[in-house]
Every structure is written in C-alpha cells, then in structure tokens.
Amino acid sequence: MAAFGDGGNDFEMLQFVGQGFASDAIPSIKAIADHIIGSNEAESVLTQIKKILVAEK
C-alpha cells in the first residue's frame, strides 16, 4: 500500500501505509515519509504511481 501526502492531515495515513511519499510537504511530513518526491506541479505523484505499477509487473 502506498500513500502520498503533504500536510499535517496526512500524518497518520503516511505512518500507516507500507510506503509513504511526501510531495511539496511540510517538514514534519517529510520527516516520517519513506520517500520524498518532486513537486505536484511537475506531476511527481503521477510519475511515482507509474513507477510503482511498472515495478509490480
């Protein structure tokens, strides 16, 4: 399971999932995320989802 977050409301979700990704996140979210990805404007979430799906094949 993977989740993407950037704000305080995402804290518990990112702790619960297997792989937590932070995009344009506040420092406390970056601190608990498993991975830090690029900005939302650069379609980093979409790019990461594609990488996950390719790896699952």
N, C-alpha and C. Protein backbone atom coordinates (compact mmCIF):
# COMPACT_ATOMS: atom_id res chain seq x y z
N MET A 1 0.85 -1.16 0.00
CA MET A 1 0.00 0.00 0.00
C MET A 1 0.90 1.24 0.00
N ALA A 2 0.51 2.23 -0.76
CA ALA A 2 1.26 3.48 -0.83
C ALA A 2 0.31 4.66 -0.66
N ALA A 3 0.84 5.74 -0.13
CA ALA A 3 0.04 6.97 0.03
C ALA A 3 0.94 8.17 -0.23
N PHE A 4 0.30 9.25 -0.64
CA PHE A 4 1.00 10.49 -0.95
C PHE A 4 0.42 11.59 -0.07
N GLY A 5 1.29 12.41 0.51
CA GLY A 5 0.80 13.47 1.37
C GLY A 5 1.72 14.67 1.39
N ASP A 6 1.17 15.77 1.94
CA ASP A 6 1.96 16.99 2.01
C ASP A 6 1.67 17.82 3.25
N GLY A 7 0.59 17.53 3.95
CA GLY A 7 0.20 18.37 5.08
C GLY A 7 -0.04 17.58 6.35
N GLY A 8 -0.27 18.31 7.42
CA GLY A 8 -0.48 17.70 8.73
C GLY A 8 -1.61 16.69 8.78
N ASN A 9 -2.61 16.88 7.96
CA ASN A 9 -3.73 15.94 7.94
C ASN A 9 -3.34 14.58 7.35
N ASP A 10 -2.17 14.48 6.76
CA ASP A 10 -1.70 13.23 6.15
C ASP A 10 -0.79 12.42 7.07
N PHE A 11 -0.51 12.93 8.25
CA PHE A 11 0.46 12.32 9.15
C PHE A 11 0.14 10.86 9.46
N GLU A 12 -1.05 10.57 9.96
CA GLU A 12 -1.42 9.20 10.34
C GLU A 12 -1.46 8.28 9.13
N MET A 13 -1.95 8.78 8.02
CA MET A 13 -2.03 7.96 6.80
C MET A 13 -0.62 7.52 6.37
N LEU A 14 0.32 8.44 6.37
CA LEU A 14 1.67 8.10 5.93
C LEU A 14 2.36 7.16 6.91
N GLN A 15 2.02 7.21 8.17
CA GLN A 15 2.59 6.28 9.14
C GLN A 15 2.01 4.89 8.98
N PHE A 16 0.77 4.80 8.54
CA PHE A 16 0.07 3.52 8.46
C PHE A 16 0.45 2.71 7.23
N VAL A 17 0.66 3.36 6.10
CA VAL A 17 0.88 2.64 4.84
C VAL A 17 2.27 2.03 4.78
N GLY A 18 2.44 1.12 3.84
CA GLY A 18 3.74 0.50 3.64
C GLY A 18 4.78 1.45 3.07
N GLN A 19 4.36 2.28 2.14
CA GLN A 19 5.27 3.23 1.50
C GLN A 19 4.61 4.61 1.49
N GLY A 20 5.19 5.54 2.21
CA GLY A 20 4.68 6.91 2.28
C GLY A 20 5.54 7.85 1.45
N PHE A 21 4.89 8.64 0.62
CA PHE A 21 5.58 9.58 -0.25
C PHE A 21 5.17 11.00 0.11
N ALA A 22 6.14 11.89 0.25
CA ALA A 22 5.88 13.29 0.55
C ALA A 22 6.19 14.13 -0.68
N SER A 23 5.23 14.97 -1.07
CA SER A 23 5.41 15.85 -2.22
C SER A 23 5.05 17.27 -1.80
N ASP A 24 5.96 18.20 -1.95
CA ASP A 24 5.73 19.59 -1.52
C ASP A 24 5.26 19.64 -0.07
N ALA A 25 5.88 18.84 0.77
CA ALA A 25 5.37 18.62 2.12
C ALA A 25 5.99 19.56 3.16
N ILE A 26 5.24 19.68 4.26
CA ILE A 26 5.75 20.40 5.42
C ILE A 26 6.84 19.54 6.07
N PRO A 27 7.74 20.14 6.84
CA PRO A 27 8.87 19.40 7.41
C PRO A 27 8.48 18.16 8.22
N SER A 28 7.43 18.23 9.01
CA SER A 28 7.06 17.06 9.84
C SER A 28 6.60 15.89 8.98
N ILE A 29 6.02 16.15 7.83
CA ILE A 29 5.61 15.08 6.93
C ILE A 29 6.83 14.50 6.22
N LYS A 30 7.74 15.36 5.79
CA LYS A 30 8.97 14.87 5.17
C LYS A 30 9.75 13.97 6.14
N ALA A 31 9.69 14.29 7.42
CA ALA A 31 10.43 13.53 8.42
C ALA A 31 9.94 12.10 8.57
N ILE A 32 8.65 11.85 8.34
CA ILE A 32 8.12 10.50 8.53
C ILE A 32 7.92 9.75 7.21
N ALA A 33 8.01 10.43 6.10
CA ALA A 33 7.79 9.79 4.80
C ALA A 33 8.93 8.83 4.48
N ASP A 34 8.59 7.77 3.78
CA ASP A 34 9.61 6.82 3.34
C ASP A 34 10.38 7.37 2.14
N HIS A 35 9.71 8.23 1.37
CA HIS A 35 10.31 8.79 0.16
C HIS A 35 9.88 10.24 -0.01
N ILE A 36 10.80 11.07 -0.46
CA ILE A 36 10.49 12.46 -0.80
C ILE A 36 10.53 12.55 -2.32
N ILE A 37 9.44 13.04 -2.92
CA ILE A 37 9.39 13.16 -4.36
C ILE A 37 9.25 14.63 -4.74
N GLY A 38 9.32 14.92 -6.03
CA GLY A 38 9.27 16.29 -6.51
C GLY A 38 7.93 16.96 -6.30
N SER A 39 7.78 18.09 -6.91
CA SER A 39 6.60 18.92 -6.69
C SER A 39 5.36 18.38 -7.41
N ASN A 40 4.21 18.83 -6.93
CA ASN A 40 2.95 18.48 -7.58
C ASN A 40 2.87 19.09 -8.98
N GLU A 41 3.46 20.25 -9.15
CA GLU A 41 3.44 20.92 -10.44
C GLU A 41 4.20 20.14 -11.51
N ALA A 42 5.16 19.34 -11.10
CA ALA A 42 5.95 18.54 -12.03
C ALA A 42 5.36 17.15 -12.24
N GLU A 43 4.13 16.95 -11.80
CA GLU A 43 3.43 15.66 -11.91
C GLU A 43 4.22 14.53 -11.25
N SER A 44 4.87 14.83 -10.14
CA SER A 44 5.68 13.83 -9.45
C SER A 44 4.87 12.67 -8.90
N VAL A 45 3.64 12.94 -8.44
CA VAL A 45 2.80 11.87 -7.92
C VAL A 45 2.46 10.90 -9.06
N LEU A 46 2.03 11.42 -10.20
CA LEU A 46 1.71 10.58 -11.34
C LEU A 46 2.93 9.77 -11.78
N THR A 47 4.08 10.40 -11.83
CA THR A 47 5.31 9.71 -12.22
C THR A 47 5.62 8.57 -11.26
N GLN A 48 5.46 8.81 -9.97
CA GLN A 48 5.74 7.78 -8.97
C GLN A 48 4.75 6.64 -9.06
N ILE A 49 3.48 6.93 -9.28
CA ILE A 49 2.48 5.87 -9.43
C ILE A 49 2.83 4.99 -10.63
N LYS A 50 3.23 5.60 -11.73
CA LYS A 50 3.64 4.81 -12.90
C LYS A 50 4.81 3.91 -12.57
N LYS A 51 5.80 4.42 -11.82
CA LYS A 51 6.95 3.61 -11.42
C LYS A 51 6.53 2.42 -10.57
N ILE A 52 5.60 2.65 -9.65
CA ILE A 52 5.10 1.57 -8.78
C ILE A 52 4.41 0.50 -9.62
N LEU A 53 3.58 0.93 -10.55
CA LEU A 53 2.84 -0.03 -11.37
C LEU A 53 3.75 -0.83 -12.27
N VAL A 54 4.76 -0.22 -12.83
CA VAL A 54 5.72 -0.93 -13.66
C VAL A 54 6.49 -1.96 -12.83
N ALA A 55 6.86 -1.59 -11.62
CA ALA A 55 7.61 -2.50 -10.75
C ALA A 55 6.79 -3.71 -10.31
N GLU A 56 5.47 -3.56 -10.29
CA GLU A 56 4.58 -4.64 -9.86
C GLU A 56 4.41 -5.73 -10.91
N LYS A 57 4.76 -5.44 -12.16
CA LYS A 57 4.58 -6.42 -13.23
C LYS A 57 5.54 -7.55 -13.12
